[in-house]
């Protein structure tokens, strides 16, 4: 249940109420908004809730008690009516400003990664993406450089000043990846890896949770709930397309998911049109549609020589194409009432 406190509630009142709820067996999640303080009380036996709600509502500094009917509690808008803004170094995700994450699918070499980082930074990207560990359907495909790749990303961050986002595949690699990454990425195959989600929930580091390729929106939000219930609220959702019967594109990008998630959850949402389409010629129009639908940012694959890429060259933009896209995106961002973190001619604003 959600307990909404009146503006007269003091810190002492809040502490006393939390202690009361913990004694009753509830898990507690506190949200202090600009206008309201909200306590989420989760986990007590169902039959006790009506009686306890009446008792809590009788307290003078409690404005009202609202039951949560959805299976995801902490990541829902009922618990946190105001949209969350996740700060990653100097970059804010979920506010008025659109964020663009760009870079190669995977780190292939130091020169390839640092060259791409410089080029996407010059075009206006604010976060560098790149995979040090890569999941592949085939065991014979390139699986990344591992920690050497993380060190290359670290060097690119030092040179460009961009925070880095990279994927963690295995619970055994979590601490190592977390040592380098500014944002931990959970890929589509690991959305339901609940052991990994729980451990990331124990960390206090931003995480981007990609939607499972065959997952419903509710399942996706419940996966986010696994992270949030452990105390890590710095969660960014990423719509990356779902698997359907269509074969022309790699996946079917679910544009509906973006406004739906904005209604259901306070978490920021990023769109990945590269994986959502699998075709570089479709990335720009689908990315623009995602921003128009309400996405807080984009994740786009860029490679200096896509024809030589070890992974996903077909969906990677060349740097000059990416720079042109960023110029075009500026006008759209303004039209939908958001702000661009880059100048209309490319580059940082």
C-alpha atoms as a PDB file:
ATOM      1  CA  UNK A   1       0.000   0.000   0.000  1.00  0.00           C
ATOM      2  CA  UNK A   2       0.965   3.634  -0.523  1.00  0.00           C
ATOM      3  CA  UNK A   3       0.843   5.996   2.453  1.00  0.00           C
ATOM      4  CA  UNK A   4       0.698   9.650   1.462  1.00  0.00           C
ATOM      5  CA  UNK A   5       1.750  12.009   4.244  1.00  0.00           C
ATOM      6  CA  UNK A   6       0.470  15.527   4.785  1.00  0.00           C
ATOM      7  CA  UNK A   7       2.771  18.529   4.470  1.00  0.00           C
ATOM      8  CA  UNK A   8       2.730  18.814   8.291  1.00  0.00           C
ATOM      9  CA  UNK A   9       4.521  15.475   8.778  1.00  0.00           C
ATOM     10  CA  UNK A  10       7.915  15.889  10.455  1.00  0.00           C
ATOM     11  CA  UNK A  11      10.999  13.717  10.055  1.00  0.00           C
ATOM     12  CA  UNK A  12      10.229  12.275  13.492  1.00  0.00           C
ATOM     13  CA  UNK A  13       6.701  11.394  12.341  1.00  0.00           C
ATOM     14  CA  UNK A  14       8.110   9.622   9.294  1.00  0.00           C
ATOM     15  CA  UNK A  15      10.630   7.652  11.358  1.00  0.00           C
ATOM     16  CA  UNK A  16       7.961   6.577  13.855  1.00  0.00           C
ATOM     17  CA  UNK A  17       5.579   5.442  11.122  1.00  0.00           C
ATOM     18  CA  UNK A  18       8.316   3.484   9.358  1.00  0.00           C
ATOM     19  CA  UNK A  19       9.219   1.747  12.638  1.00  0.00           C
ATOM     20  CA  UNK A  20       5.529   0.912  13.157  1.00  0.00           C
ATOM     21  CA  UNK A  21       5.220  -0.611   9.687  1.00  0.00           C
ATOM     22  CA  UNK A  22       8.439  -2.627  10.023  1.00  0.00           C
ATOM     23  CA  UNK A  23       7.155  -4.120  13.265  1.00  0.00           C
ATOM     24  CA  UNK A  24       4.108  -5.312  11.317  1.00  0.00           C
ATOM     25  CA  UNK A  25       6.352  -7.097   8.800  1.00  0.00           C
ATOM     26  CA  UNK A  26       6.292  -4.627   5.929  1.00  0.00           C
ATOM     27  CA  UNK A  27       9.178  -3.785   3.667  1.00  0.00           C
ATOM     28  CA  UNK A  28       9.529  -0.007   3.397  1.00  0.00           C
ATOM     29  CA  UNK A  29      10.371   2.240   0.444  1.00  0.00           C
ATOM     30  CA  UNK A  30      10.456   5.972   1.123  1.00  0.00           C
ATOM     31  CA  UNK A  31       9.936   8.563  -1.614  1.00  0.00           C
ATOM     32  CA  UNK A  32      10.357  12.256  -0.848  1.00  0.00           C
ATOM     33  CA  UNK A  33       8.883  14.344  -3.650  1.00  0.00           C
ATOM     34  CA  UNK A  34       8.794  18.097  -4.122  1.00  0.00           C
ATOM     35  CA  UNK A  35       5.280  18.355  -2.673  1.00  0.00           C
ATOM     36  CA  UNK A  36       4.565  14.987  -1.050  1.00  0.00           C
ATOM     37  CA  UNK A  37       6.326  12.372   1.044  1.00  0.00           C
ATOM     38  CA  UNK A  38       5.157   8.851   0.219  1.00  0.00           C
ATOM     39  CA  UNK A  39       5.861   5.603   2.038  1.00  0.00           C
ATOM     40  CA  UNK A  40       5.469   2.357   0.135  1.00  0.00           C
ATOM     41  CA  UNK A  41       4.641  -0.521   2.489  1.00  0.00           C
ATOM     42  CA  UNK A  42       5.097  -3.892   0.819  1.00  0.00           C
ATOM     43  CA  UNK A  43       4.842  -7.518   1.816  1.00  0.00           C
ATOM     44  CA  UNK A  44       2.432  -7.957   4.734  1.00  0.00           C
ATOM     45  CA  UNK A  45      -0.223 -10.704   4.622  1.00  0.00           C
ATOM     46  CA  UNK A  46      -3.156  -9.807   2.344  1.00  0.00           C
ATOM     47  CA  UNK A  47      -5.822 -10.290   5.022  1.00  0.00           C
ATOM     48  CA  UNK A  48      -4.193  -7.684   7.297  1.00  0.00           C
ATOM     49  CA  UNK A  49      -4.106  -4.899   4.748  1.00  0.00           C
ATOM     50  CA  UNK A  50      -7.637  -3.496   5.094  1.00  0.00           C
ATOM     51  CA  UNK A  51      -7.435  -3.278   8.884  1.00  0.00           C
ATOM     52  CA  UNK A  52      -3.913  -1.877   8.895  1.00  0.00           C
ATOM     53  CA  UNK A  53      -4.852   0.685   6.233  1.00  0.00           C
ATOM     54  CA  UNK A  54      -7.683   1.958   8.414  1.00  0.00           C
ATOM     55  CA  UNK A  55      -5.394   2.197  11.423  1.00  0.00           C
ATOM     56  CA  UNK A  56      -2.706   4.060   9.516  1.00  0.00           C
ATOM     57  CA  UNK A  57      -5.220   6.434   7.924  1.00  0.00           C
ATOM     58  CA  UNK A  58      -6.389   7.487  11.387  1.00  0.00           C
ATOM     59  CA  UNK A  59      -2.971   9.015  12.166  1.00  0.00           C
ATOM     60  CA  UNK A  60      -3.156  12.825  12.071  1.00  0.00           C
ATOM     61  CA  UNK A  61      -0.257  13.419   9.667  1.00  0.00           C
ATOM     62  CA  UNK A  62      -1.379  10.759   7.165  1.00  0.00           C
ATOM     63  CA  UNK A  63      -3.326  12.228   4.267  1.00  0.00           C
ATOM     64  CA  UNK A  64      -4.548   8.952   2.787  1.00  0.00           C
ATOM     65  CA  UNK A  65      -3.695   5.292   2.192  1.00  0.00           C
ATOM     66  CA  UNK A  66      -3.932   3.853  -1.312  1.00  0.00           C
ATOM     67  CA  UNK A  67      -3.780   0.109  -2.059  1.00  0.00           C
ATOM     68  CA  UNK A  68      -1.411  -0.972  -4.859  1.00  0.00           C
ATOM     69  CA  UNK A  69      -3.131  -3.401  -7.173  1.00  0.00           C
ATOM     70  CA  UNK A  70      -0.383  -3.847  -9.752  1.00  0.00           C
ATOM     71  CA  UNK A  71       2.219  -6.625  -9.263  1.00  0.00           C
ATOM     72  CA  UNK A  72       5.043  -4.081  -9.543  1.00  0.00           C
ATOM     73  CA  UNK A  73       4.954  -1.692  -6.608  1.00  0.00           C
ATOM     74  CA  UNK A  74       8.105   0.379  -6.253  1.00  0.00           C
ATOM     75  CA  UNK A  75       8.634   1.155  -9.951  1.00  0.00           C
ATOM     76  CA  UNK A  76       4.983   2.119 -10.499  1.00  0.00           C
ATOM     77  CA  UNK A  77       3.611   5.658 -10.757  1.00  0.00           C
ATOM     78  CA  UNK A  78       1.353   5.063  -7.747  1.00  0.00           C
ATOM     79  CA  UNK A  79       4.392   4.837  -5.477  1.00  0.00           C
ATOM     80  CA  UNK A  80       6.300   7.628  -7.192  1.00  0.00           C
ATOM     81  CA  UNK A  81       3.976  10.007  -9.112  1.00  0.00           C
ATOM     82  CA  UNK A  82       6.836  12.280 -10.199  1.00  0.00           C
ATOM     83  CA  UNK A  83       9.067  10.965 -12.966  1.00  0.00           C
ATOM     84  CA  UNK A  84      12.537   9.918 -11.815  1.00  0.00           C
ATOM     85  CA  UNK A  85      15.687  11.573 -13.072  1.00  0.00           C
ATOM     86  CA  UNK A  86      18.840   9.450 -12.962  1.00  0.00           C
ATOM     87  CA  UNK A  87      22.122  11.348 -12.696  1.00  0.00           C
ATOM     88  CA  UNK A  88      25.186   9.738 -14.261  1.00  0.00           C
ATOM     89  CA  UNK A  89      28.189  11.952 -13.645  1.00  0.00           C
ATOM     90  CA  UNK A  90      27.082  15.248 -15.253  1.00  0.00           C
ATOM     91  CA  UNK A  91      24.352  13.689 -17.414  1.00  0.00           C
ATOM     92  CA  UNK A  92      20.704  13.594 -16.321  1.00  0.00           C
ATOM     93  CA  UNK A  93      18.441  10.911 -17.776  1.00  0.00           C
ATOM     94  CA  UNK A  94      14.690  11.398 -17.534  1.00  0.00           C
ATOM     95  CA  UNK A  95      14.518  15.183 -17.341  1.00  0.00           C
ATOM     96  CA  UNK A  96      13.701  17.678 -20.081  1.00  0.00           C
ATOM     97  CA  UNK A  97      16.921  16.968 -21.945  1.00  0.00           C
ATOM     98  CA  UNK A  98      17.154  14.136 -24.460  1.00  0.00           C
ATOM     99  CA  UNK A  99      20.175  11.873 -23.931  1.00  0.00           C
ATOM    100  CA  UNK A 100      21.938  10.055 -26.753  1.00  0.00           C
ATOM    101  CA  UNK A 101      24.104   7.014 -26.033  1.00  0.00           C
ATOM    102  CA  UNK A 102      26.245   6.060 -29.014  1.00  0.00           C
ATOM    103  CA  UNK A 103      29.229   3.919 -29.896  1.00  0.00           C
ATOM    104  CA  UNK A 104      30.185   0.542 -31.288  1.00  0.00           C
ATOM    105  CA  UNK A 105      28.272  -2.650 -30.603  1.00  0.00           C
ATOM    106  CA  UNK A 106      31.463  -4.126 -29.218  1.00  0.00           C
ATOM    107  CA  UNK A 107      34.954  -2.955 -28.401  1.00  0.00           C
ATOM    108  CA  UNK A 108      37.190  -4.485 -31.059  1.00  0.00           C
ATOM    109  CA  UNK A 109      40.408  -2.532 -30.504  1.00  0.00           C
ATOM    110  CA  UNK A 110      41.650   0.564 -28.741  1.00  0.00           C
ATOM    111  CA  UNK A 111      41.873   2.574 -31.954  1.00  0.00           C
ATOM    112  CA  UNK A 112      38.374   1.553 -33.116  1.00  0.00           C
ATOM    113  CA  UNK A 113      36.786   2.423 -29.762  1.00  0.00           C
ATOM    114  CA  UNK A 114      38.581   5.708 -29.146  1.00  0.00           C
ATOM    115  CA  UNK A 115      38.082   6.881 -32.737  1.00  0.00           C
ATOM    116  CA  UNK A 116      34.357   6.146 -32.515  1.00  0.00           C
ATOM    117  CA  UNK A 117      34.128   7.849 -29.124  1.00  0.00           C
ATOM    118  CA  UNK A 118      35.706  11.025 -30.478  1.00  0.00           C
ATOM    119  CA  UNK A 119      33.400  11.079 -33.503  1.00  0.00           C
ATOM    120  CA  UNK A 120      30.133  10.489 -31.630  1.00  0.00           C
ATOM    121  CA  UNK A 121      31.150  13.027 -29.000  1.00  0.00           C
ATOM    122  CA  UNK A 122      31.807  15.598 -31.720  1.00  0.00           C
ATOM    123  CA  UNK A 123      28.352  14.899 -33.170  1.00  0.00           C
ATOM    124  CA  UNK A 124      26.649  15.455 -29.807  1.00  0.00           C
ATOM    125  CA  UNK A 125      26.409  12.085 -28.029  1.00  0.00           C
ATOM    126  CA  UNK A 126      26.598  12.381 -24.239  1.00  0.00           C
ATOM    127  CA  UNK A 127      27.179   8.755 -23.199  1.00  0.00           C
ATOM    128  CA  UNK A 128      29.512   6.203 -24.797  1.00  0.00           C
ATOM    129  CA  UNK A 129      28.157   2.698 -25.361  1.00  0.00           C
ATOM    130  CA  UNK A 130      30.336  -0.291 -26.124  1.00  0.00           C
ATOM    131  CA  UNK A 131      30.346  -3.969 -25.280  1.00  0.00           C
ATOM    132  CA  UNK A 132      33.317  -5.584 -23.567  1.00  0.00           C
ATOM    133  CA  UNK A 133      31.341  -8.822 -23.131  1.00  0.00           C
ATOM    134  CA  UNK A 134      29.015  -9.807 -25.965  1.00  0.00           C
ATOM    135  CA  UNK A 135      26.278 -12.445 -25.896  1.00  0.00           C
ATOM    136  CA  UNK A 136      26.021 -14.395 -29.156  1.00  0.00           C
ATOM    137  CA  UNK A 137      23.658 -17.055 -30.385  1.00  0.00           C
ATOM    138  CA  UNK A 138      26.588 -18.832 -31.998  1.00  0.00           C
ATOM    139  CA  UNK A 139      29.477 -20.083 -29.850  1.00  0.00           C
ATOM    140  CA  UNK A 140      31.780 -19.298 -32.785  1.00  0.00           C
ATOM    141  CA  UNK A 141      30.971 -15.584 -32.890  1.00  0.00           C
ATOM    142  CA  UNK A 142      33.058 -12.824 -31.333  1.00  0.00           C
ATOM    143  CA  UNK A 143      32.326 -12.626 -27.594  1.00  0.00           C
ATOM    144  CA  UNK A 144      34.235  -9.488 -26.697  1.00  0.00           C
ATOM    145  CA  UNK A 145      37.593  -8.582 -25.191  1.00  0.00           C
ATOM    146  CA  UNK A 146      36.519  -8.890 -21.555  1.00  0.00           C
ATOM    147  CA  UNK A 147      38.444  -6.786 -19.079  1.00  0.00           C
ATOM    148  CA  UNK A 148      40.774  -5.519 -21.813  1.00  0.00           C
ATOM    149  CA  UNK A 149      37.683  -4.061 -23.468  1.00  0.00           C
ATOM    150  CA  UNK A 150      36.661  -2.410 -20.209  1.00  0.00           C
ATOM    151  CA  UNK A 151      40.090  -0.790 -19.937  1.00  0.00           C
ATOM    152  CA  UNK A 152      39.752   0.543 -23.481  1.00  0.00           C
ATOM    153  CA  UNK A 153      36.367   2.048 -22.623  1.00  0.00           C
ATOM    154  CA  UNK A 154      37.919   3.590 -19.526  1.00  0.00           C
ATOM    155  CA  UNK A 155      40.590   5.226 -21.692  1.00  0.00           C
ATOM    156  CA  UNK A 156      37.936   6.538 -24.097  1.00  0.00           C
ATOM    157  CA  UNK A 157      36.022   8.020 -21.167  1.00  0.00           C
ATOM    158  CA  UNK A 158      39.163   9.753 -19.912  1.00  0.00           C
ATOM    159  CA  UNK A 159      39.744  11.248 -23.357  1.00  0.00           C
ATOM    160  CA  UNK A 160      36.187  12.386 -24.159  1.00  0.00           C
ATOM    161  CA  UNK A 161      34.654  12.929 -20.730  1.00  0.00           C
ATOM    162  CA  UNK A 162      31.640  10.768 -21.646  1.00  0.00           C
ATOM    163  CA  UNK A 163      30.240   8.322 -19.079  1.00  0.00           C
ATOM    164  CA  UNK A 164      30.229   4.736 -20.332  1.00  0.00           C
ATOM    165  CA  UNK A 165      27.519   2.098 -20.429  1.00  0.00           C
ATOM    166  CA  UNK A 166      28.450  -1.531 -20.968  1.00  0.00           C
ATOM    167  CA  UNK A 167      26.733  -4.862 -20.537  1.00  0.00           C
ATOM    168  CA  UNK A 168      27.232  -7.303 -17.699  1.00  0.00           C
ATOM    169  CA  UNK A 169      26.473 -10.866 -18.748  1.00  0.00           C
ATOM    170  CA  UNK A 170      27.418 -12.988 -15.787  1.00  0.00           C
ATOM    171  CA  UNK A 171      27.084 -12.674 -12.040  1.00  0.00           C
ATOM    172  CA  UNK A 172      30.736 -13.684 -11.748  1.00  0.00           C
ATOM    173  CA  UNK A 173      31.795 -10.604 -13.738  1.00  0.00           C
ATOM    174  CA  UNK A 174      29.546  -8.101 -11.949  1.00  0.00           C
ATOM    175  CA  UNK A 175      32.120  -6.587  -9.600  1.00  0.00           C
ATOM    176  CA  UNK A 176      34.688  -6.248 -12.378  1.00  0.00           C
ATOM    177  CA  UNK A 177      32.265  -4.571 -14.795  1.00  0.00           C
ATOM    178  CA  UNK A 178      30.922  -2.307 -12.042  1.00  0.00           C
ATOM    179  CA  UNK A 179      34.460  -1.103 -11.339  1.00  0.00           C
ATOM    180  CA  UNK A 180      34.639   0.435 -14.826  1.00  0.00           C
ATOM    181  CA  UNK A 181      31.053   1.160 -15.910  1.00  0.00           C
ATOM    182  CA  UNK A 182      29.035   4.265 -15.089  1.00  0.00           C
ATOM    183  CA  UNK A 183      25.851   2.427 -16.121  1.00  0.00           C
ATOM    184  CA  UNK A 184      25.426  -1.340 -15.964  1.00  0.00           C
ATOM    185  CA  UNK A 185      23.460  -2.675 -18.908  1.00  0.00           C
ATOM    186  CA  UNK A 186      21.264  -5.746 -18.522  1.00  0.00           C
ATOM    187  CA  UNK A 187      20.619  -7.196 -21.960  1.00  0.00           C
ATOM    188  CA  UNK A 188      17.489  -8.826 -23.310  1.00  0.00           C
ATOM    189  CA  UNK A 189      18.686 -12.362 -22.485  1.00  0.00           C
ATOM    190  CA  UNK A 190      19.294 -11.462 -18.843  1.00  0.00           C
ATOM    191  CA  UNK A 191      16.066  -9.572 -18.152  1.00  0.00           C
ATOM    192  CA  UNK A 192      14.797 -12.689 -16.364  1.00  0.00           C
ATOM    193  CA  UNK A 193      18.105 -13.587 -14.706  1.00  0.00           C
ATOM    194  CA  UNK A 194      16.696 -12.892 -11.264  1.00  0.00           C
ATOM    195  CA  UNK A 195      19.876 -13.749  -9.371  1.00  0.00           C
ATOM    196  CA  UNK A 196      21.749 -11.113 -11.377  1.00  0.00           C
ATOM    197  CA  UNK A 197      18.936  -8.573 -10.933  1.00  0.00           C
ATOM    198  CA  UNK A 198      18.971  -9.070  -7.156  1.00  0.00           C
ATOM    199  CA  UNK A 199      22.728  -8.528  -6.920  1.00  0.00           C
ATOM    200  CA  UNK A 200      22.524  -5.387  -9.025  1.00  0.00           C
ATOM    201  CA  UNK A 201      19.726  -4.277  -6.723  1.00  0.00           C
ATOM    202  CA  UNK A 202      22.182  -4.469  -3.845  1.00  0.00           C
ATOM    203  CA  UNK A 203      24.515  -2.045  -5.648  1.00  0.00           C
ATOM    204  CA  UNK A 204      24.072   1.709  -5.757  1.00  0.00           C
ATOM    205  CA  UNK A 205      24.920   2.193  -9.402  1.00  0.00           C
ATOM    206  CA  UNK A 206      22.685   3.176 -12.337  1.00  0.00           C
ATOM    207  CA  UNK A 207      21.445   0.245 -14.395  1.00  0.00           C
ATOM    208  CA  UNK A 208      19.729   0.080 -17.770  1.00  0.00           C
ATOM    209  CA  UNK A 209      17.320  -2.831 -18.074  1.00  0.00           C
ATOM    210  CA  UNK A 210      16.524  -3.907 -21.609  1.00  0.00           C
ATOM    211  CA  UNK A 211      13.186  -5.504 -22.339  1.00  0.00           C
ATOM    212  CA  UNK A 212      13.272  -9.242 -22.939  1.00  0.00           C
ATOM    213  CA  UNK A 213      12.820 -10.109 -26.599  1.00  0.00           C
ATOM    214  CA  UNK A 214       9.603 -12.033 -25.852  1.00  0.00           C
ATOM    215  CA  UNK A 215       8.536 -10.255 -22.667  1.00  0.00           C
ATOM    216  CA  UNK A 216       5.365  -8.353 -21.921  1.00  0.00           C
ATOM    217  CA  UNK A 217       5.540  -4.849 -20.505  1.00  0.00           C
ATOM    218  CA  UNK A 218       4.307  -6.150 -17.159  1.00  0.00           C
ATOM    219  CA  UNK A 219       7.059  -8.792 -17.023  1.00  0.00           C
ATOM    220  CA  UNK A 220       9.610  -6.111 -17.883  1.00  0.00           C
ATOM    221  CA  UNK A 221       8.424  -3.861 -15.059  1.00  0.00           C
ATOM    222  CA  UNK A 222       8.436  -6.770 -12.631  1.00  0.00           C
ATOM    223  CA  UNK A 223      12.060  -7.413 -13.592  1.00  0.00           C
ATOM    224  CA  UNK A 224      12.779  -3.779 -12.693  1.00  0.00           C
ATOM    225  CA  UNK A 225      10.966  -4.409  -9.421  1.00  0.00           C
ATOM    226  CA  UNK A 226      13.523  -7.101  -8.546  1.00  0.00           C
ATOM    227  CA  UNK A 227      16.220  -4.416  -8.667  1.00  0.00           C
ATOM    228  CA  UNK A 228      14.211  -1.727  -6.897  1.00  0.00           C
ATOM    229  CA  UNK A 229      13.090  -3.908  -3.976  1.00  0.00           C
ATOM    230  CA  UNK A 230      16.751  -4.396  -3.050  1.00  0.00           C
ATOM    231  CA  UNK A 231      17.165  -0.634  -2.708  1.00  0.00           C
ATOM    232  CA  UNK A 232      18.607   0.410  -6.076  1.00  0.00           C
ATOM    233  CA  UNK A 233      16.152   2.897  -7.588  1.00  0.00           C
ATOM    234  CA  UNK A 234      18.538   4.150 -10.280  1.00  0.00           C
ATOM    235  CA  UNK A 235      16.909   2.148 -13.050  1.00  0.00           C
ATOM    236  CA  UNK A 236      16.601   3.113 -16.712  1.00  0.00           C
ATOM    237  CA  UNK A 237      14.343   1.046 -18.953  1.00  0.00           C
ATOM    238  CA  UNK A 238      15.222   0.340 -22.579  1.00  0.00           C
ATOM    239  CA  UNK A 239      12.803  -0.689 -25.317  1.00  0.00           C
ATOM    240  CA  UNK A 240      14.872  -2.668 -27.844  1.00  0.00           C
ATOM    241  CA  UNK A 241      12.226  -4.409 -29.915  1.00  0.00           C
ATOM    242  CA  UNK A 242      10.450  -7.710 -29.425  1.00  0.00           C
ATOM    243  CA  UNK A 243      10.405 -10.952 -31.378  1.00  0.00           C
ATOM    244  CA  UNK A 244       7.360 -11.354 -33.648  1.00  0.00           C
ATOM    245  CA  UNK A 245       6.531 -13.307 -36.821  1.00  0.00           C
ATOM    246  CA  UNK A 246       8.025 -10.500 -38.971  1.00  0.00           C
ATOM    247  CA  UNK A 247      11.291 -11.490 -40.671  1.00  0.00           C
ATOM    248  CA  UNK A 248      12.152  -8.346 -42.628  1.00  0.00           C
ATOM    249  CA  UNK A 249      13.579  -6.661 -39.548  1.00  0.00           C
ATOM    250  CA  UNK A 250      15.699  -8.131 -36.776  1.00  0.00           C
ATOM    251  CA  UNK A 251      12.987  -7.363 -34.204  1.00  0.00           C
ATOM    252  CA  UNK A 252       9.723  -5.444 -34.159  1.00  0.00           C
ATOM    253  CA  UNK A 253      10.258  -2.129 -32.393  1.00  0.00           C
ATOM    254  CA  UNK A 254       7.328  -1.662 -30.001  1.00  0.00           C
ATOM    255  CA  UNK A 255       6.605   2.046 -30.174  1.00  0.00           C
ATOM    256  CA  UNK A 256       3.500   1.485 -28.017  1.00  0.00           C
ATOM    257  CA  UNK A 257       5.703   0.507 -25.098  1.00  0.00           C
ATOM    258  CA  UNK A 258       7.146   3.993 -24.693  1.00  0.00           C
ATOM    259  CA  UNK A 259       3.964   5.949 -23.845  1.00  0.00           C
ATOM    260  CA  UNK A 260       2.603   2.891 -22.015  1.00  0.00           C
ATOM    261  CA  UNK A 261       5.639   2.716 -19.734  1.00  0.00           C
ATOM    262  CA  UNK A 262       5.487   6.476 -19.127  1.00  0.00           C
ATOM    263  CA  UNK A 263       1.927   6.014 -17.864  1.00  0.00           C
ATOM    264  CA  UNK A 264       2.714   2.990 -15.714  1.00  0.00           C
ATOM    265  CA  UNK A 265       6.158   3.793 -14.305  1.00  0.00           C
ATOM    266  CA  UNK A 266       8.188   6.752 -13.089  1.00  0.00           C
ATOM    267  CA  UNK A 267      11.409   5.297 -14.527  1.00  0.00           C
ATOM    268  CA  UNK A 268      13.131   6.922 -17.526  1.00  0.00           C
ATOM    269  CA  UNK A 269      12.897   5.040 -20.812  1.00  0.00           C
ATOM    270  CA  UNK A 270      15.497   4.828 -23.588  1.00  0.00           C
ATOM    271  CA  UNK A 271      14.877   3.536 -27.125  1.00  0.00           C
ATOM    272  CA  UNK A 272      17.311   1.270 -28.988  1.00  0.00           C
ATOM    273  CA  UNK A 273      16.343   1.457 -32.684  1.00  0.00           C
ATOM    274  CA  UNK A 274      19.552  -0.315 -33.727  1.00  0.00           C
ATOM    275  CA  UNK A 275      18.510  -3.638 -32.188  1.00  0.00           C
ATOM    276  CA  UNK A 276      14.867  -2.781 -32.707  1.00  0.00           C
ATOM    277  CA  UNK A 277      15.282  -2.862 -36.499  1.00  0.00           C
ATOM    278  CA  UNK A 278      18.636  -4.469 -37.296  1.00  0.00           C
ATOM    279  CA  UNK A 279      18.930  -2.266 -40.383  1.00  0.00           C
ATOM    280  CA  UNK A 280      20.915   0.961 -40.381  1.00  0.00           C
ATOM    281  CA  UNK A 281      18.562   2.599 -42.894  1.00  0.00           C
ATOM    282  CA  UNK A 282      15.655   2.230 -40.452  1.00  0.00           C
ATOM    283  CA  UNK A 283      17.469   3.486 -37.356  1.00  0.00           C
ATOM    284  CA  UNK A 284      16.914   7.214 -37.954  1.00  0.00           C
ATOM    285  CA  UNK A 285      13.142   7.163 -38.654  1.00  0.00           C
ATOM    286  CA  UNK A 286      12.412   4.738 -35.809  1.00  0.00           C
ATOM    287  CA  UNK A 287      14.584   6.779 -33.418  1.00  0.00           C
ATOM    288  CA  UNK A 288      12.643   9.928 -34.319  1.00  0.00           C
ATOM    289  CA  UNK A 289       9.345   8.107 -33.783  1.00  0.00           C
ATOM    290  CA  UNK A 290      10.548   6.989 -30.341  1.00  0.00           C
ATOM    291  CA  UNK A 291      11.368  10.554 -29.297  1.00  0.00           C
ATOM    292  CA  UNK A 292       7.975  11.728 -30.561  1.00  0.00           C
ATOM    293  CA  UNK A 293       6.360   8.955 -28.493  1.00  0.00           C
ATOM    294  CA  UNK A 294       8.063  10.196 -25.322  1.00  0.00           C
ATOM    295  CA  UNK A 295      11.412   8.405 -25.013  1.00  0.00           C
ATOM    296  CA  UNK A 296      13.948  10.139 -22.777  1.00  0.00           C
ATOM    297  CA  UNK A 297      16.844   9.207 -24.999  1.00  0.00           C
ATOM    298  CA  UNK A 298      18.319   6.888 -27.587  1.00  0.00           C
ATOM    299  CA  UNK A 299      20.948   4.173 -27.772  1.00  0.00           C
ATOM    300  CA  UNK A 300      22.488   4.000 -31.243  1.00  0.00           C
ATOM    301  CA  UNK A 301      25.272   1.840 -32.631  1.00  0.00           C
ATOM    302  CA  UNK A 302      27.967   3.687 -34.568  1.00  0.00           C
ATOM    303  CA  UNK A 303      31.027   2.144 -36.213  1.00  0.00           C
ATOM    304  CA  UNK A 304      33.711   3.838 -38.365  1.00  0.00           C
ATOM    305  CA  UNK A 305      33.661   0.903 -40.798  1.00  0.00           C
ATOM    306  CA  UNK A 306      30.440  -1.116 -40.416  1.00  0.00           C
ATOM    307  CA  UNK A 307      31.425  -3.396 -43.273  1.00  0.00           C
ATOM    308  CA  UNK A 308      34.360  -4.598 -41.153  1.00  0.00           C
ATOM    309  CA  UNK A 309      32.536  -4.751 -37.804  1.00  0.00           C
ATOM    310  CA  UNK A 310      32.895  -7.984 -35.846  1.00  0.00           C
ATOM    311  CA  UNK A 311      29.291  -7.672 -34.604  1.00  0.00           C
ATOM    312  CA  UNK A 312      26.114  -6.029 -35.900  1.00  0.00           C
ATOM    313  CA  UNK A 313      27.599  -4.028 -38.751  1.00  0.00           C
ATOM    314  CA  UNK A 314      24.270  -4.096 -40.600  1.00  0.00           C
ATOM    315  CA  UNK A 315      22.591  -1.979 -37.909  1.00  0.00           C
ATOM    316  CA  UNK A 316      25.470   0.410 -37.244  1.00  0.00           C
ATOM    317  CA  UNK A 317      25.523   3.980 -38.548  1.00  0.00           C
ATOM    318  CA  UNK A 318      28.663   5.453 -40.021  1.00  0.00           C
ATOM    319  CA  UNK A 319      29.920   8.532 -38.134  1.00  0.00           C
ATOM    320  CA  UNK A 320      28.894  10.992 -40.867  1.00  0.00           C
ATOM    321  CA  UNK A 321      25.393   9.461 -41.016  1.00  0.00           C
ATOM    322  CA  UNK A 322      25.146   9.723 -37.241  1.00  0.00           C
ATOM    323  CA  UNK A 323      26.220  13.379 -37.317  1.00  0.00           C
ATOM    324  CA  UNK A 324      23.544  14.148 -39.922  1.00  0.00           C
ATOM    325  CA  UNK A 325      20.965  12.330 -37.830  1.00  0.00           C
ATOM    326  CA  UNK A 326      21.850  14.382 -34.758  1.00  0.00           C
ATOM    327  CA  UNK A 327      21.313  17.595 -36.701  1.00  0.00           C
ATOM    328  CA  UNK A 328      17.894  16.396 -37.872  1.00  0.00           C
ATOM    329  CA  UNK A 329      16.986  15.229 -34.381  1.00  0.00           C
ATOM    330  CA  UNK A 330      17.482  18.709 -32.922  1.00  0.00           C
ATOM    331  CA  UNK A 331      14.436  20.095 -34.731  1.00  0.00           C
ATOM    332  CA  UNK A 332      12.240  17.188 -33.608  1.00  0.00           C
ATOM    333  CA  UNK A 333      13.361  17.478 -29.990  1.00  0.00           C
ATOM    334  CA  UNK A 334      12.351  21.148 -29.954  1.00  0.00           C
ATOM    335  CA  UNK A 335       9.021  20.334 -31.625  1.00  0.00           C
ATOM    336  CA  UNK A 336       8.034  17.890 -28.877  1.00  0.00           C
ATOM    337  CA  UNK A 337       8.928  20.351 -26.126  1.00  0.00           C
ATOM    338  CA  UNK A 338      12.161  18.713 -24.974  1.00  0.00           C
ATOM    339  CA  UNK A 339      15.736  20.022 -24.947  1.00  0.00           C
ATOM    340  CA  UNK A 340      18.750  18.787 -26.900  1.00  0.00           C
ATOM    341  CA  UNK A 341      22.052  18.359 -25.100  1.00  0.00           C
ATOM    342  CA  UNK A 342      23.873  19.233 -28.309  1.00  0.00           C
ATOM    343  CA  UNK A 343      23.907  22.175 -30.719  1.00  0.00           C
ATOM    344  CA  UNK A 344      21.831  22.059 -33.942  1.00  0.00           C
ATOM    345  CA  UNK A 345      25.050  21.676 -35.932  1.00  0.00           C
ATOM    346  CA  UNK A 346      26.258  18.766 -33.807  1.00  0.00           C
ATOM    347  CA  UNK A 347      28.585  18.774 -30.831  1.00  0.00           C
ATOM    348  CA  UNK A 348      27.925  19.511 -27.178  1.00  0.00           C
ATOM    349  CA  UNK A 349      25.559  22.355 -26.360  1.00  0.00           C
END
